[in-house]
Amino acid sequence: MMKHSLAAVLAGVALSLSSTAAFSQQAIGNMAVGMVVAAQCTVASDPVDFGNQALIVNAVPITGNLTVQCTADSDYQIQLSVGAGTGATVATRFMTGAASGDLATYTVHQGAATGPVWGVTLGTDTIDGTATGDVETLGFTAVLAAGQSVAADTYTDTLVATINY
């Protein structure tokens, strides 16, 4: 009888070791998962190059794009500075001749050359939008004013695009 009892015990132990353990209770806990998404934007612009000019009889429009990417659903406003030309305004920007100091007049418009002039007054002459989270392309047109008489020189200016979000 002892042989059968010992064999039964060993078989039971072997069976319990080889099978999934049976649990009679369980406890449940939560694992918190989270993050904070900060509002962020980037902005970049195509350069504007009016090329080689001689007599500036007609206006010279140059189209370009500003690209912006912001955190999804962020509202933004993009300002464009008046530039570094002495006396420049939003309506009349100036490129300055490197040697002569002469000023060549141009404007920058939102979208087409007939669009509003792009400026610095938030909500008035800025580009306003709500971000999708993807890179967005915003067109502009820079126009070299017609009928200018400036010295032969190399003319430059720098505009600063500022995005408020």
N, C-alpha and C. Protein backbone atom coordinates (compact mmCIF):
# COMPACT_ATOMS: atom_id res chain seq x y z
N MET A 1 0.80 -1.18 0.00
CA MET A 1 0.00 0.00 0.00
C MET A 1 0.85 1.25 0.00
N MET A 2 1.90 1.21 0.64
CA MET A 2 2.82 2.32 0.72
C MET A 2 3.41 2.62 -0.66
N LYS A 3 3.65 1.58 -1.46
CA LYS A 3 4.19 1.77 -2.79
C LYS A 3 3.21 2.55 -3.66
N HIS A 4 1.97 2.19 -3.58
CA HIS A 4 0.98 2.90 -4.39
C HIS A 4 0.79 4.32 -3.89
N SER A 5 0.82 4.55 -2.63
CA SER A 5 0.63 5.90 -2.09
C SER A 5 1.80 6.79 -2.46
N LEU A 6 3.02 6.26 -2.35
CA LEU A 6 4.21 7.04 -2.71
C LEU A 6 4.20 7.33 -4.21
N ALA A 7 3.82 6.38 -5.02
CA ALA A 7 3.75 6.56 -6.46
C ALA A 7 2.68 7.60 -6.81
N ALA A 8 1.56 7.57 -6.11
CA ALA A 8 0.50 8.53 -6.36
C ALA A 8 0.94 9.94 -5.99
N VAL A 9 1.66 10.05 -4.90
CA VAL A 9 2.16 11.36 -4.46
C VAL A 9 3.16 11.89 -5.48
N LEU A 10 4.09 11.06 -5.93
CA LEU A 10 5.09 11.49 -6.90
C LEU A 10 4.44 11.86 -8.23
N ALA A 11 3.45 11.13 -8.65
CA ALA A 11 2.73 11.44 -9.87
C ALA A 11 2.01 12.77 -9.74
N GLY A 12 1.43 13.03 -8.59
CA GLY A 12 0.73 14.29 -8.35
C GLY A 12 1.69 15.47 -8.36
N VAL A 13 2.86 15.29 -7.76
CA VAL A 13 3.86 16.35 -7.73
C VAL A 13 4.35 16.63 -9.16
N ALA A 14 4.63 15.57 -9.91
CA ALA A 14 5.10 15.73 -11.29
C ALA A 14 4.05 16.42 -12.15
N LEU A 15 2.81 16.04 -11.96
CA LEU A 15 1.73 16.66 -12.72
C LEU A 15 1.58 18.14 -12.39
N SER A 16 1.70 18.50 -11.11
CA SER A 16 1.55 19.90 -10.73
C SER A 16 2.72 20.75 -11.22
N LEU A 17 3.91 20.17 -11.32
CA LEU A 17 5.07 20.91 -11.81
C LEU A 17 5.00 21.11 -13.33
N SER A 18 4.40 20.20 -14.05
CA SER A 18 4.37 20.28 -15.50
C SER A 18 3.17 21.05 -16.03
N SER A 19 2.19 21.38 -15.24
CA SER A 19 1.02 22.09 -15.73
C SER A 19 1.00 23.52 -15.18
N THR A 20 0.13 24.35 -15.76
CA THR A 20 -0.01 25.72 -15.31
C THR A 20 -0.55 25.72 -13.89
N ALA A 21 0.07 26.58 -13.09
CA ALA A 21 -0.36 26.65 -11.71
C ALA A 21 -1.76 27.25 -11.63
N ALA A 22 -2.57 26.76 -10.81
CA ALA A 22 -3.92 27.29 -10.63
C ALA A 22 -3.87 28.32 -9.51
N PHE A 23 -4.38 29.55 -9.84
CA PHE A 23 -4.39 30.62 -8.85
C PHE A 23 -5.81 30.80 -8.36
N SER A 24 -5.91 31.08 -7.11
CA SER A 24 -7.25 31.24 -6.56
C SER A 24 -7.62 32.71 -6.34
N GLN A 25 -6.64 33.64 -6.48
CA GLN A 25 -6.92 35.06 -6.26
C GLN A 25 -6.14 35.89 -7.27
N GLN A 26 -6.57 37.13 -7.46
CA GLN A 26 -5.81 38.05 -8.29
C GLN A 26 -5.99 39.48 -7.77
N ALA A 27 -5.00 40.30 -8.05
CA ALA A 27 -5.06 41.72 -7.71
C ALA A 27 -4.91 42.51 -9.01
N ILE A 28 -5.58 43.62 -9.10
CA ILE A 28 -5.54 44.44 -10.30
C ILE A 28 -4.97 45.80 -9.94
N GLY A 29 -4.06 46.29 -10.79
CA GLY A 29 -3.47 47.61 -10.60
C GLY A 29 -3.45 48.35 -11.93
N ASN A 30 -3.40 49.64 -11.89
CA ASN A 30 -3.36 50.47 -13.09
C ASN A 30 -1.95 50.95 -13.35
N MET A 31 -1.59 51.07 -14.63
CA MET A 31 -0.30 51.62 -15.02
C MET A 31 -0.60 52.94 -15.72
N ALA A 32 -0.17 54.06 -15.15
CA ALA A 32 -0.41 55.37 -15.75
C ALA A 32 0.55 55.58 -16.91
N VAL A 33 0.04 56.07 -18.03
CA VAL A 33 0.84 56.38 -19.21
C VAL A 33 0.44 57.78 -19.65
N GLY A 34 1.41 58.65 -19.91
CA GLY A 34 1.06 60.00 -20.33
C GLY A 34 2.23 60.74 -20.92
N MET A 35 1.96 61.92 -21.41
CA MET A 35 3.00 62.82 -21.91
C MET A 35 2.42 64.23 -21.98
N VAL A 36 3.29 65.18 -22.10
CA VAL A 36 2.90 66.57 -22.29
C VAL A 36 3.39 66.97 -23.68
N VAL A 37 2.51 67.50 -24.50
CA VAL A 37 2.89 67.99 -25.83
C VAL A 37 2.94 69.51 -25.75
N ALA A 38 4.13 70.03 -25.95
CA ALA A 38 4.31 71.48 -25.91
C ALA A 38 4.03 72.07 -27.29
N ALA A 39 3.45 73.24 -27.32
CA ALA A 39 3.24 73.94 -28.59
C ALA A 39 4.60 74.36 -29.12
N GLN A 40 4.82 74.09 -30.41
CA GLN A 40 6.09 74.46 -31.03
C GLN A 40 5.85 74.72 -32.51
N CYS A 41 6.62 75.65 -33.06
CA CYS A 41 6.53 75.96 -34.49
C CYS A 41 7.93 76.16 -35.06
N THR A 42 8.05 75.87 -36.34
CA THR A 42 9.26 76.20 -37.09
C THR A 42 8.82 76.97 -38.33
N VAL A 43 9.70 77.82 -38.82
CA VAL A 43 9.38 78.63 -40.00
C VAL A 43 10.66 78.76 -40.84
N ALA A 44 10.50 78.67 -42.16
CA ALA A 44 11.62 78.83 -43.09
C ALA A 44 11.09 79.46 -44.37
N SER A 45 11.96 80.13 -45.11
CA SER A 45 11.51 80.82 -46.33
C SER A 45 12.46 80.57 -47.49
N ASP A 46 11.86 80.56 -48.69
CA ASP A 46 12.67 80.60 -49.91
C ASP A 46 13.36 81.95 -49.97
N PRO A 47 14.56 82.01 -50.53
CA PRO A 47 15.18 83.32 -50.74
C PRO A 47 14.48 84.04 -51.90
N VAL A 48 14.59 85.36 -51.91
CA VAL A 48 14.04 86.17 -53.01
C VAL A 48 15.23 86.74 -53.78
N ASP A 49 15.28 86.43 -55.06
CA ASP A 49 16.37 86.93 -55.91
C ASP A 49 15.75 87.56 -57.15
N PHE A 50 15.84 88.88 -57.24
CA PHE A 50 15.30 89.60 -58.39
C PHE A 50 16.21 89.49 -59.62
N GLY A 51 17.32 88.79 -59.48
CA GLY A 51 18.22 88.56 -60.61
C GLY A 51 18.97 89.80 -61.03
N ASN A 52 19.48 89.77 -62.26
CA ASN A 52 20.21 90.90 -62.82
C ASN A 52 19.23 91.86 -63.48
N GLN A 53 19.30 93.11 -63.11
CA GLN A 53 18.43 94.14 -63.66
C GLN A 53 19.30 95.26 -64.22
N ALA A 54 18.81 95.97 -65.20
CA ALA A 54 19.50 97.15 -65.74
C ALA A 54 18.59 98.34 -65.51
N LEU A 55 17.83 98.70 -66.50
CA LEU A 55 16.83 99.75 -66.33
C LEU A 55 15.59 99.07 -65.76
N ILE A 56 15.12 99.56 -64.63
CA ILE A 56 13.94 98.94 -64.00
C ILE A 56 12.71 99.72 -64.45
N VAL A 57 12.21 99.33 -65.61
CA VAL A 57 11.06 100.01 -66.21
C VAL A 57 9.77 99.39 -65.70
N ASN A 58 9.72 98.08 -65.71
CA ASN A 58 8.52 97.35 -65.30
C ASN A 58 8.72 96.71 -63.94
N ALA A 59 7.61 96.47 -63.24
CA ALA A 59 7.67 95.75 -61.96
C ALA A 59 8.16 94.33 -62.23
N VAL A 60 8.91 93.79 -61.27
CA VAL A 60 9.43 92.42 -61.39
C VAL A 60 8.89 91.61 -60.22
N PRO A 61 7.90 90.73 -60.46
CA PRO A 61 7.37 89.89 -59.39
C PRO A 61 8.15 88.58 -59.28
N ILE A 62 8.42 88.18 -58.06
CA ILE A 62 9.08 86.92 -57.78
C ILE A 62 8.23 86.17 -56.75
N THR A 63 7.81 84.96 -57.09
CA THR A 63 7.01 84.18 -56.14
C THR A 63 7.92 83.27 -55.31
N GLY A 64 7.47 82.98 -54.13
CA GLY A 64 8.22 82.10 -53.23
C GLY A 64 7.28 81.49 -52.21
N ASN A 65 7.86 80.69 -51.36
CA ASN A 65 7.08 80.03 -50.32
C ASN A 65 7.74 80.16 -48.96
N LEU A 66 6.90 80.29 -47.98
CA LEU A 66 7.32 80.22 -46.58
C LEU A 66 6.74 78.90 -46.09
N THR A 67 7.54 78.11 -45.41
CA THR A 67 7.02 76.86 -44.85
C THR A 67 6.96 76.98 -43.34
N VAL A 68 5.89 76.46 -42.80
CA VAL A 68 5.68 76.51 -41.36
C VAL A 68 5.18 75.14 -40.90
N GLN A 69 5.64 74.73 -39.75
CA GLN A 69 5.11 73.51 -39.13
C GLN A 69 4.95 73.79 -37.64
N CYS A 70 3.73 73.58 -37.17
CA CYS A 70 3.42 73.81 -35.76
C CYS A 70 2.70 72.59 -35.20
N THR A 71 2.74 72.47 -33.90
CA THR A 71 1.97 71.45 -33.21
C THR A 71 0.52 71.55 -33.66
N ALA A 72 -0.10 70.41 -33.92
CA ALA A 72 -1.48 70.38 -34.43
C ALA A 72 -2.41 71.23 -33.57
N ASP A 73 -3.31 71.92 -34.23
CA ASP A 73 -4.35 72.75 -33.63
C ASP A 73 -3.82 74.00 -32.94
N SER A 74 -2.55 74.34 -33.15
CA SER A 74 -2.01 75.58 -32.60
C SER A 74 -2.38 76.74 -33.53
N ASP A 75 -2.91 77.80 -32.96
CA ASP A 75 -3.16 79.01 -33.74
C ASP A 75 -1.83 79.75 -33.86
N TYR A 76 -1.60 80.36 -35.03
CA TYR A 76 -0.36 81.12 -35.22
C TYR A 76 -0.62 82.38 -36.03
N GLN A 77 0.31 83.33 -35.90
CA GLN A 77 0.33 84.55 -36.69
C GLN A 77 1.78 84.77 -37.12
N ILE A 78 1.99 85.04 -38.41
CA ILE A 78 3.35 85.21 -38.92
C ILE A 78 3.54 86.66 -39.34
N GLN A 79 4.51 87.31 -38.72
CA GLN A 79 4.88 88.68 -39.04
C GLN A 79 6.08 88.67 -39.98
N LEU A 80 6.17 89.68 -40.83
CA LEU A 80 7.33 89.85 -41.69
C LEU A 80 7.86 91.27 -41.47
N SER A 81 9.10 91.35 -41.00
CA SER A 81 9.68 92.65 -40.65
C SER A 81 9.77 93.57 -41.86
N VAL A 82 10.03 94.84 -41.61
CA VAL A 82 10.16 95.82 -42.70
C VAL A 82 11.52 95.73 -43.36
N GLY A 83 12.45 95.03 -42.75
CA GLY A 83 13.80 94.91 -43.31
C GLY A 83 14.75 95.92 -42.73
N ALA A 84 15.96 95.92 -43.29
CA ALA A 84 17.03 96.76 -42.74
C ALA A 84 17.24 98.06 -43.51
N GLY A 85 16.53 98.25 -44.62
CA GLY A 85 16.71 99.48 -45.41
C GLY A 85 16.27 100.71 -44.64
N THR A 86 17.07 101.74 -44.68
CA THR A 86 16.76 102.99 -43.98
C THR A 86 15.41 103.53 -44.42
N GLY A 87 14.52 103.78 -43.44
CA GLY A 87 13.21 104.35 -43.71
C GLY A 87 12.18 103.35 -44.22
N ALA A 88 12.51 102.07 -44.24
CA ALA A 88 11.58 101.06 -44.76
C ALA A 88 10.31 100.99 -43.92
N THR A 89 9.21 100.70 -44.61
CA THR A 89 7.92 100.45 -43.98
C THR A 89 7.37 99.15 -44.57
N VAL A 90 6.27 98.69 -44.05
CA VAL A 90 5.64 97.49 -44.60
C VAL A 90 5.26 97.72 -46.06
N ALA A 91 4.78 98.91 -46.39
CA ALA A 91 4.34 99.21 -47.75
C ALA A 91 5.49 99.51 -48.70
N THR A 92 6.64 99.92 -48.16
CA THR A 92 7.80 100.27 -48.99
C THR A 92 9.07 99.76 -48.31
N ARG A 93 9.52 98.61 -48.76
CA ARG A 93 10.76 98.04 -48.24
C ARG A 93 11.90 98.42 -49.18
N PHE A 94 13.13 98.44 -48.63
CA PHE A 94 14.27 98.85 -49.44
C PHE A 94 15.41 97.84 -49.35
N MET A 95 15.98 97.55 -50.53
CA MET A 95 17.28 96.88 -50.59
C MET A 95 18.31 98.01 -50.68
N THR A 96 19.43 97.82 -50.00
CA THR A 96 20.47 98.85 -49.97
C THR A 96 21.66 98.43 -50.81
N GLY A 97 22.14 99.37 -51.66
CA GLY A 97 23.32 99.10 -52.49
C GLY A 97 24.57 99.03 -51.61
N ALA A 98 25.38 97.98 -51.83
CA ALA A 98 26.58 97.75 -51.00
C ALA A 98 27.57 98.90 -51.10
N ALA A 99 27.82 99.41 -52.29
CA ALA A 99 28.81 100.47 -52.48
C ALA A 99 28.17 101.85 -52.49
N SER A 100 27.04 101.98 -53.17
CA SER A 100 26.42 103.30 -53.37
C SER A 100 25.55 103.75 -52.20
N GLY A 101 24.97 102.79 -51.48
CA GLY A 101 24.02 103.14 -50.44
C GLY A 101 22.65 103.49 -50.98
N ASP A 102 22.49 103.43 -52.32
CA ASP A 102 21.19 103.69 -52.94
C ASP A 102 20.17 102.67 -52.43
N LEU A 103 18.91 103.05 -52.51
CA LEU A 103 17.83 102.18 -52.07
C LEU A 103 16.98 101.76 -53.25
N ALA A 104 16.74 100.46 -53.37
CA ALA A 104 15.85 99.90 -54.40
C ALA A 104 14.59 99.45 -53.70
N THR A 105 13.44 99.90 -54.21
CA THR A 105 12.15 99.68 -53.55
C THR A 105 11.51 98.37 -53.99
N TYR A 106 10.92 97.67 -53.01
CA TYR A 106 10.16 96.46 -53.29
C TYR A 106 9.08 96.27 -52.23
N THR A 107 8.15 95.39 -52.51
CA THR A 107 7.09 95.04 -51.56
C THR A 107 7.02 93.52 -51.47
N VAL A 108 6.37 93.03 -50.41
CA VAL A 108 6.13 91.60 -50.27
C VAL A 108 4.64 91.42 -49.96
N HIS A 109 3.99 90.59 -50.76
CA HIS A 109 2.55 90.38 -50.65
C HIS A 109 2.23 88.96 -50.21
N GLN A 110 1.16 88.82 -49.46
CA GLN A 110 0.65 87.50 -49.09
C GLN A 110 0.02 86.90 -50.34
N GLY A 111 0.48 85.73 -50.73
CA GLY A 111 -0.07 85.09 -51.93
C GLY A 111 0.40 85.79 -53.19
N ALA A 112 -0.55 86.23 -54.02
CA ALA A 112 -0.26 86.85 -55.31
C ALA A 112 0.19 88.30 -55.14
N ALA A 113 0.73 88.86 -56.23
CA ALA A 113 1.20 90.25 -56.21
C ALA A 113 0.08 91.23 -55.92
N THR A 114 -1.16 90.82 -56.13
CA THR A 114 -2.31 91.68 -55.85
C THR A 114 -2.85 91.46 -54.44
N GLY A 115 -2.24 90.52 -53.70
CA GLY A 115 -2.68 90.24 -52.33
C GLY A 115 -2.25 91.33 -51.36
N PRO A 116 -2.71 91.23 -50.14
CA PRO A 116 -2.33 92.24 -49.15
C PRO A 116 -0.82 92.24 -48.88
N VAL A 117 -0.31 93.43 -48.58
CA VAL A 117 1.10 93.53 -48.22
C VAL A 117 1.28 92.81 -46.88
N TRP A 118 2.37 92.08 -46.77
CA TRP A 118 2.65 91.28 -45.57
C TRP A 118 3.46 92.12 -44.60
N GLY A 119 2.94 92.24 -43.37
CA GLY A 119 3.59 93.13 -42.42
C GLY A 119 3.75 92.59 -41.02
N VAL A 120 3.71 93.52 -40.06
CA VAL A 120 4.05 93.20 -38.68
C VAL A 120 2.92 93.40 -37.68
N THR A 121 1.81 93.98 -38.10
CA THR A 121 0.73 94.26 -37.16
C THR A 121 -0.16 93.04 -37.00
N LEU A 122 -0.06 92.40 -35.84
CA LEU A 122 -0.80 91.16 -35.60
C LEU A 122 -2.29 91.33 -35.85
N GLY A 123 -2.83 90.39 -36.61
CA GLY A 123 -4.26 90.40 -36.90
C GLY A 123 -4.67 91.38 -37.98
N THR A 124 -3.73 92.16 -38.50
CA THR A 124 -4.06 93.15 -39.53
C THR A 124 -3.39 92.80 -40.86
N ASP A 125 -2.07 92.72 -40.85
CA ASP A 125 -1.35 92.43 -42.10
C ASP A 125 -0.41 91.22 -41.97
N THR A 126 -0.70 90.39 -41.00
CA THR A 126 0.06 89.16 -40.81
C THR A 126 -0.67 87.99 -41.45
N ILE A 127 0.01 86.86 -41.57
CA ILE A 127 -0.65 85.63 -42.03
C ILE A 127 -1.06 84.87 -40.78
N ASP A 128 -2.35 84.58 -40.68
CA ASP A 128 -2.90 83.90 -39.52
C ASP A 128 -3.40 82.52 -39.93
N GLY A 129 -3.27 81.55 -39.03
CA GLY A 129 -3.76 80.22 -39.36
C GLY A 129 -3.86 79.33 -38.14
N THR A 130 -4.36 78.14 -38.38
CA THR A 130 -4.41 77.08 -37.37
C THR A 130 -3.66 75.89 -37.93
N ALA A 131 -2.68 75.41 -37.22
CA ALA A 131 -1.79 74.36 -37.71
C ALA A 131 -2.48 73.01 -37.82
N THR A 132 -2.04 72.26 -38.82
CA THR A 132 -2.50 70.88 -39.00
C THR A 132 -1.55 69.88 -38.34
N GLY A 133 -0.35 70.34 -38.01
CA GLY A 133 0.69 69.45 -37.51
C GLY A 133 1.65 69.03 -38.61
N ASP A 134 1.22 69.19 -39.87
CA ASP A 134 2.07 68.88 -41.02
C ASP A 134 2.78 70.15 -41.48
N VAL A 135 3.75 69.99 -42.36
CA VAL A 135 4.41 71.15 -42.96
C VAL A 135 3.39 71.83 -43.87
N GLU A 136 3.22 73.13 -43.68
CA GLU A 136 2.28 73.91 -44.49
C GLU A 136 3.08 74.90 -45.33
N THR A 137 2.67 75.08 -46.57
CA THR A 137 3.34 75.98 -47.49
C THR A 137 2.47 77.21 -47.71
N LEU A 138 3.04 78.37 -47.44
CA LEU A 138 2.32 79.64 -47.60
C LEU A 138 3.03 80.45 -48.69
N GLY A 139 2.32 80.75 -49.75
CA GLY A 139 2.92 81.48 -50.86
C GLY A 139 3.00 82.97 -50.61
N PHE A 140 4.01 83.58 -51.23
CA PHE A 140 4.14 85.03 -51.19
C PHE A 140 4.68 85.50 -52.54
N THR A 141 4.54 86.79 -52.80
CA THR A 141 5.12 87.39 -54.00
C THR A 141 5.85 88.66 -53.60
N ALA A 142 7.13 88.72 -53.93
CA ALA A 142 7.92 89.94 -53.74
C ALA A 142 7.92 90.67 -55.08
N VAL A 143 7.74 92.00 -55.04
CA VAL A 143 7.65 92.78 -56.27
C VAL A 143 8.66 93.93 -56.23
N LEU A 144 9.59 93.91 -57.17
CA LEU A 144 10.52 95.02 -57.35
C LEU A 144 9.73 96.12 -58.06
N ALA A 145 9.69 97.29 -57.45
CA ALA A 145 8.85 98.38 -57.98
C ALA A 145 9.35 98.87 -59.34
N ALA A 146 8.41 99.20 -60.20
CA ALA A 146 8.71 99.71 -61.55
C ALA A 146 9.22 101.15 -61.49
N GLY A 147 9.94 101.54 -62.53
CA GLY A 147 10.32 102.95 -62.69
C GLY A 147 11.40 103.44 -61.75
N GLN A 148 12.28 102.59 -61.29
CA GLN A 148 13.34 103.02 -60.37
C GLN A 148 14.62 103.34 -61.13
N SER A 149 15.33 104.34 -60.66
CA SER A 149 16.63 104.68 -61.21
C SER A 149 17.64 104.59 -60.08
N VAL A 150 18.38 103.49 -60.05
CA VAL A 150 19.37 103.28 -58.99
C VAL A 150 20.72 102.99 -59.63
N ALA A 151 21.78 103.25 -58.88
CA ALA A 151 23.14 103.03 -59.37
C ALA A 151 23.42 101.55 -59.57
N ALA A 152 24.35 101.26 -60.49
CA ALA A 152 24.82 99.89 -60.67
C ALA A 152 25.50 99.46 -59.37
N ASP A 153 25.04 98.37 -58.79
CA ASP A 153 25.54 97.94 -57.47
C ASP A 153 24.93 96.58 -57.15
N THR A 154 25.27 96.03 -56.05
CA THR A 154 24.64 94.82 -55.53
C THR A 154 23.75 95.23 -54.37
N TYR A 155 22.45 94.91 -54.48
CA TYR A 155 21.45 95.35 -53.51
C TYR A 155 20.97 94.16 -52.67
N THR A 156 20.89 94.39 -51.36
CA THR A 156 20.42 93.32 -50.47
C THR A 156 19.57 93.90 -49.34
N ASP A 157 18.81 93.02 -48.75
CA ASP A 157 18.03 93.33 -47.55
C ASP A 157 17.78 92.01 -46.84
N THR A 158 17.44 92.08 -45.60
CA THR A 158 17.09 90.88 -44.82
C THR A 158 15.78 91.14 -44.10
N LEU A 159 14.81 90.27 -44.33
CA LEU A 159 13.54 90.34 -43.63
C LEU A 159 13.51 89.21 -42.60
N VAL A 160 12.85 89.47 -41.50
CA VAL A 160 12.73 88.45 -40.45
C VAL A 160 11.27 88.02 -40.36
N ALA A 161 11.04 86.73 -40.54
CA ALA A 161 9.70 86.15 -40.36
C ALA A 161 9.61 85.67 -38.92
N THR A 162 8.63 86.17 -38.20
CA THR A 162 8.43 85.79 -36.80
C THR A 162 7.06 85.11 -36.68
N ILE A 163 7.07 83.91 -36.09
CA ILE A 163 5.81 83.20 -35.91
C ILE A 163 5.43 83.26 -34.43
N ASN A 164 4.22 83.71 -34.18
CA ASN A 164 3.68 83.80 -32.81
C ASN A 164 2.65 82.70 -32.68
N TYR A 165 2.77 81.90 -31.62
CA TYR A 165 1.85 80.78 -31.42
C TYR A 165 1.54 80.58 -29.96
